[in-house]
């Protein structure tokens, strides 16, 4: 075998080992702004072509931010949400309006005006997602828009409702027993993940089978919490 053949094989081996593509490899680039505190949420808005960034920051490059800015690949700006002093951890668009959620706050933006959605003192919202044209919200709370709702609720554009009677089904006495971090739909069933421990294997993850909340493989043992479910 000729030396040049050995060298070519060695190069190919190293390239495969490190998954390196000399033609398509890219470098990380610095963004045109600097955030001084942590980022909690990212949302790619295909409606306006912007990336929305939520977090703990209160200003960006000297401009007030209240935890939310947008970036379109070239330009950026802040959006002064009414959630002053709180983190923005979840962002999504629903029926033409931008929704943001975080520590003790839930609000929406119609392009001109922000509207806070109820009194959220002592409550935390950490999840927003549209599933089957319905907006789902999750976190640590016992009510939403004046109705009883423990940890998870949904909105159809007109009214809010608790997610499949969680409070009654799980006989929740203290809403701090149920902290939902994530919701997803898989095989036509809704799955909830978070920090909770109820009888019948409802530990850190559960699913709605169409009639009742049930365990997923007996639940997750050993304490702790489950931060996300993805289908």
Protein backbone atom coordinates (compact mmCIF):
# COMPACT_ATOMS: atom_id res chain seq x y z
CA UNK A 1 0.00 0.00 0.00
CA UNK A 2 1.38 3.38 -1.00
CA UNK A 3 2.06 6.05 1.66
CA UNK A 4 -0.45 8.49 0.15
CA UNK A 5 -3.23 5.87 0.49
CA UNK A 6 -2.43 5.40 4.18
CA UNK A 7 -2.55 9.15 4.74
CA UNK A 8 -5.92 9.47 2.99
CA UNK A 9 -7.44 6.72 5.13
CA UNK A 10 -6.03 8.32 8.27
CA UNK A 11 -7.56 11.67 7.30
CA UNK A 12 -10.95 10.09 6.59
CA UNK A 13 -10.86 8.24 9.92
CA UNK A 14 -10.11 11.39 11.89
CA UNK A 15 -12.81 13.30 9.99
CA UNK A 16 -15.41 10.65 10.81
CA UNK A 17 -14.24 10.34 14.41
CA UNK A 18 -14.73 14.04 15.10
CA UNK A 19 -17.67 14.45 12.71
CA UNK A 20 -15.78 17.21 10.94
CA UNK A 21 -16.84 18.51 7.55
CA UNK A 22 -14.17 20.80 6.05
CA UNK A 23 -16.66 22.22 3.55
CA UNK A 24 -19.72 22.84 5.70
CA UNK A 25 -18.18 23.47 9.13
CA UNK A 26 -19.23 26.75 10.74
CA UNK A 27 -17.92 28.90 13.54
CA UNK A 28 -19.83 30.39 16.44
CA UNK A 29 -20.41 34.10 15.96
CA UNK A 30 -20.81 36.82 18.53
CA UNK A 31 -24.26 38.42 18.63
CA UNK A 32 -24.50 42.23 18.35
CA UNK A 33 -25.71 42.56 21.94
CA UNK A 34 -24.63 41.35 25.36
CA UNK A 35 -26.89 39.92 28.05
CA UNK A 36 -25.69 40.44 31.60
CA UNK A 37 -27.97 37.85 33.24
CA UNK A 38 -29.19 34.36 32.35
CA UNK A 39 -31.37 33.35 29.40
CA UNK A 40 -34.36 31.15 30.30
CA UNK A 41 -36.30 30.80 27.03
CA UNK A 42 -35.94 30.95 23.23
CA UNK A 43 -38.74 31.12 20.65
CA UNK A 44 -38.36 31.04 16.87
CA UNK A 45 -41.34 33.02 15.57
CA UNK A 46 -41.99 32.01 11.97
CA UNK A 47 -44.71 34.68 11.73
CA UNK A 48 -42.39 37.69 11.94
CA UNK A 49 -39.05 35.92 11.37
CA UNK A 50 -37.68 36.87 14.76
CA UNK A 51 -35.94 34.99 17.52
CA UNK A 52 -37.37 35.99 20.90
CA UNK A 53 -35.07 35.67 23.91
CA UNK A 54 -36.39 35.63 27.47
CA UNK A 55 -34.54 35.62 30.76
CA UNK A 56 -33.53 37.44 33.90
CA UNK A 57 -31.95 40.51 32.30
CA UNK A 58 -33.41 43.94 33.02
CA UNK A 59 -31.56 45.89 30.34
CA UNK A 60 -29.55 45.23 27.19
CA UNK A 61 -26.83 47.64 26.05
CA UNK A 62 -28.38 50.36 28.19
CA UNK A 63 -32.00 49.79 27.03
CA UNK A 64 -34.69 48.58 29.43
CA UNK A 65 -35.79 45.03 28.65
CA UNK A 66 -37.77 43.43 31.51
CA UNK A 67 -36.52 40.03 30.43
CA UNK A 68 -37.44 40.03 26.71
CA UNK A 69 -35.71 41.02 23.45
CA UNK A 70 -35.98 40.02 19.77
CA UNK A 71 -33.33 39.42 17.11
CA UNK A 72 -33.91 38.99 13.35
CA UNK A 73 -30.40 37.93 12.36
CA UNK A 74 -29.20 41.51 11.93
CA UNK A 75 -31.20 43.91 14.08
CA UNK A 76 -32.41 43.60 17.66
CA UNK A 77 -34.60 45.50 20.11
CA UNK A 78 -36.19 45.15 23.52
CA UNK A 79 -39.85 44.64 24.34
CA UNK A 80 -40.85 46.23 27.63
CA UNK A 81 -43.19 43.63 29.11
CA UNK A 82 -45.42 44.52 32.07
CA UNK A 83 -43.79 41.70 34.04
CA UNK A 84 -41.34 44.01 35.78
CA UNK A 85 -38.79 42.34 38.00
CA UNK A 86 -39.56 38.78 36.95
CA UNK A 87 -37.93 36.21 34.69
CA UNK A 88 -39.33 35.29 31.26
CA UNK A 89 -38.93 31.55 30.80
CA UNK A 90 -41.47 30.65 28.09
CA UNK A 91 -42.58 32.41 24.89
CA UNK A 92 -44.99 31.44 22.11
CA UNK A 93 -47.44 32.89 19.60
CA UNK A 94 -51.12 32.01 19.69
CA UNK A 95 -53.87 33.35 17.45
CA UNK A 96 -51.71 36.24 16.29
CA UNK A 97 -50.60 37.38 19.74
CA UNK A 98 -47.29 36.87 21.52
CA UNK A 99 -47.55 35.19 24.94
CA UNK A 100 -44.82 35.28 27.59
CA UNK A 101 -44.66 33.54 30.95
CA UNK A 102 -42.28 33.48 33.88
CA UNK A 103 -41.87 33.85 37.59
CA UNK A 104 -45.16 35.27 38.85
CA UNK A 105 -46.30 36.49 35.46
CA UNK A 106 -48.31 35.73 32.32
CA UNK A 107 -48.98 38.33 29.63
CA UNK A 108 -49.77 38.71 25.93
CA UNK A 109 -48.82 41.28 23.28
CA UNK A 110 -50.97 42.13 20.23
CA UNK A 111 -48.25 44.09 18.46
CA UNK A 112 -49.13 47.37 20.14
CA UNK A 113 -50.29 46.73 23.70
CA UNK A 114 -49.35 44.35 26.50
CA UNK A 115 -52.10 42.78 28.62
CA UNK A 116 -51.46 40.94 31.87
CA UNK A 117 -53.65 37.90 32.37
CA UNK A 118 -54.97 38.02 35.91
CA UNK A 119 -53.40 38.33 39.33
CA UNK A 120 -50.40 36.02 39.49
CA UNK A 121 -48.95 36.90 42.90
CA UNK A 122 -47.19 33.88 44.39
CA UNK A 123 -47.46 31.82 41.19
CA UNK A 124 -44.91 30.62 38.65
CA UNK A 125 -45.39 29.87 34.95
CA UNK A 126 -42.61 28.05 33.14
CA UNK A 127 -44.24 26.42 30.08
CA UNK A 128 -46.22 27.69 27.08
CA UNK A 129 -46.99 25.68 23.95
CA UNK A 130 -49.71 25.41 21.32
CA UNK A 131 -51.01 21.85 20.86
CA UNK A 132 -53.90 21.16 18.46
CA UNK A 133 -54.76 24.88 18.22
CA UNK A 134 -55.00 25.15 22.01
CA UNK A 135 -52.62 27.07 24.25
CA UNK A 136 -51.24 25.01 27.16
CA UNK A 137 -49.73 26.61 30.27
CA UNK A 138 -47.88 24.85 33.07
CA UNK A 139 -46.11 25.79 36.27
CA UNK A 140 -46.80 26.14 39.97
CA UNK A 141 -50.22 27.73 40.53
CA UNK A 142 -53.69 27.01 41.91
CA UNK A 143 -55.83 29.23 39.70
CA UNK A 144 -55.79 31.00 36.37
CA UNK A 145 -58.07 33.78 35.12
CA UNK A 146 -60.30 33.28 38.16
CA UNK A 147 -60.84 29.52 37.78
CA UNK A 148 -59.36 26.71 39.84
CA UNK A 149 -56.41 25.09 38.09
CA UNK A 150 -53.53 23.19 39.66
CA UNK A 151 -50.25 23.18 37.76
CA UNK A 152 -51.63 23.01 34.21
CA UNK A 153 -54.35 24.74 32.20
CA UNK A 154 -55.40 25.34 28.60
CA UNK A 155 -56.91 28.21 26.64
CA UNK A 156 -58.96 27.92 23.44
CA UNK A 157 -58.88 31.61 22.61
CA UNK A 158 -62.08 32.28 24.55
CA UNK A 159 -61.93 30.58 27.94
CA UNK A 160 -59.43 29.02 30.34
CA UNK A 161 -59.95 25.64 31.96
CA UNK A 162 -58.01 23.31 34.21
CA UNK A 163 -56.40 20.40 32.41
CA UNK A 164 -58.72 17.41 32.83
CA UNK A 165 -59.75 18.25 36.42
CA UNK A 166 -56.29 17.77 37.92
CA UNK A 167 -57.23 19.16 41.33
CA UNK A 168 -60.16 16.81 41.79
CA UNK A 169 -58.60 13.78 40.09
CA UNK A 170 -55.46 13.89 42.25
CA UNK A 171 -57.27 15.21 45.35
CA UNK A 172 -54.82 18.09 45.63
CA UNK A 173 -55.03 19.89 48.96
CA UNK A 174 -51.92 22.10 48.52
CA UNK A 175 -51.09 23.38 45.03
CA UNK A 176 -47.36 23.27 45.85
CA UNK A 177 -47.62 19.48 45.67
CA UNK A 178 -47.94 19.71 41.88
CA UNK A 179 -45.35 21.61 39.86
CA UNK A 180 -45.66 20.91 36.12
CA UNK A 181 -42.62 21.74 33.98
CA UNK A 182 -43.61 20.35 30.60
CA UNK A 183 -46.55 19.04 28.52
CA UNK A 184 -46.54 17.13 25.23
CA UNK A 185 -48.87 15.00 23.12
CA UNK A 186 -47.77 11.49 22.11
CA UNK A 187 -49.92 8.81 20.48
CA UNK A 188 -53.01 11.00 21.01
CA UNK A 189 -52.35 11.17 24.78
CA UNK A 190 -51.23 14.15 26.87
CA UNK A 191 -48.13 13.67 29.03
CA UNK A 192 -47.20 15.87 32.00
CA UNK A 193 -43.75 16.04 33.56
CA UNK A 194 -42.61 17.86 36.67
CA UNK A 195 -42.09 17.58 40.39
CA UNK A 196 -44.87 15.58 42.06
CA UNK A 197 -45.49 12.32 43.88
CA UNK A 198 -48.98 10.84 44.11
CA UNK A 199 -50.27 7.31 44.73
CA UNK A 200 -50.64 4.72 41.96
CA UNK A 201 -47.28 5.48 40.36
CA UNK A 202 -47.96 9.12 39.49
CA UNK A 203 -44.38 10.24 40.17
CA UNK A 204 -42.73 12.99 38.09
CA UNK A 205 -44.58 11.92 34.89
CA UNK A 206 -48.19 10.98 34.08
CA UNK A 207 -50.54 10.75 31.11
CA UNK A 208 -54.19 11.31 30.32
CA UNK A 209 -55.58 8.12 28.71
CA UNK A 210 -58.86 9.73 27.68
CA UNK A 211 -60.65 8.94 30.93
CA UNK A 212 -58.22 9.40 33.80
CA UNK A 213 -54.69 10.36 34.77
CA UNK A 214 -52.48 7.29 34.89
CA UNK A 215 -48.84 6.37 35.49
CA UNK A 216 -46.13 5.99 32.86
CA UNK A 217 -44.24 2.77 33.48
CA UNK A 218 -44.81 2.98 37.22
CA UNK A 219 -43.40 6.51 37.51
CA UNK A 220 -39.86 7.68 38.19
CA UNK A 221 -38.53 6.55 41.54
CA UNK A 222 -35.86 8.13 43.71
CA UNK A 223 -37.13 11.69 44.09
CA UNK A 224 -36.09 14.72 42.09
CA UNK A 225 -38.07 16.06 39.14
CA UNK A 226 -38.52 15.65 35.38
CA UNK A 227 -37.98 18.90 33.51
CA UNK A 228 -39.16 18.07 30.01
CA UNK A 229 -41.11 15.64 27.83
CA UNK A 230 -40.77 15.76 24.04
CA UNK A 231 -42.60 13.79 21.37
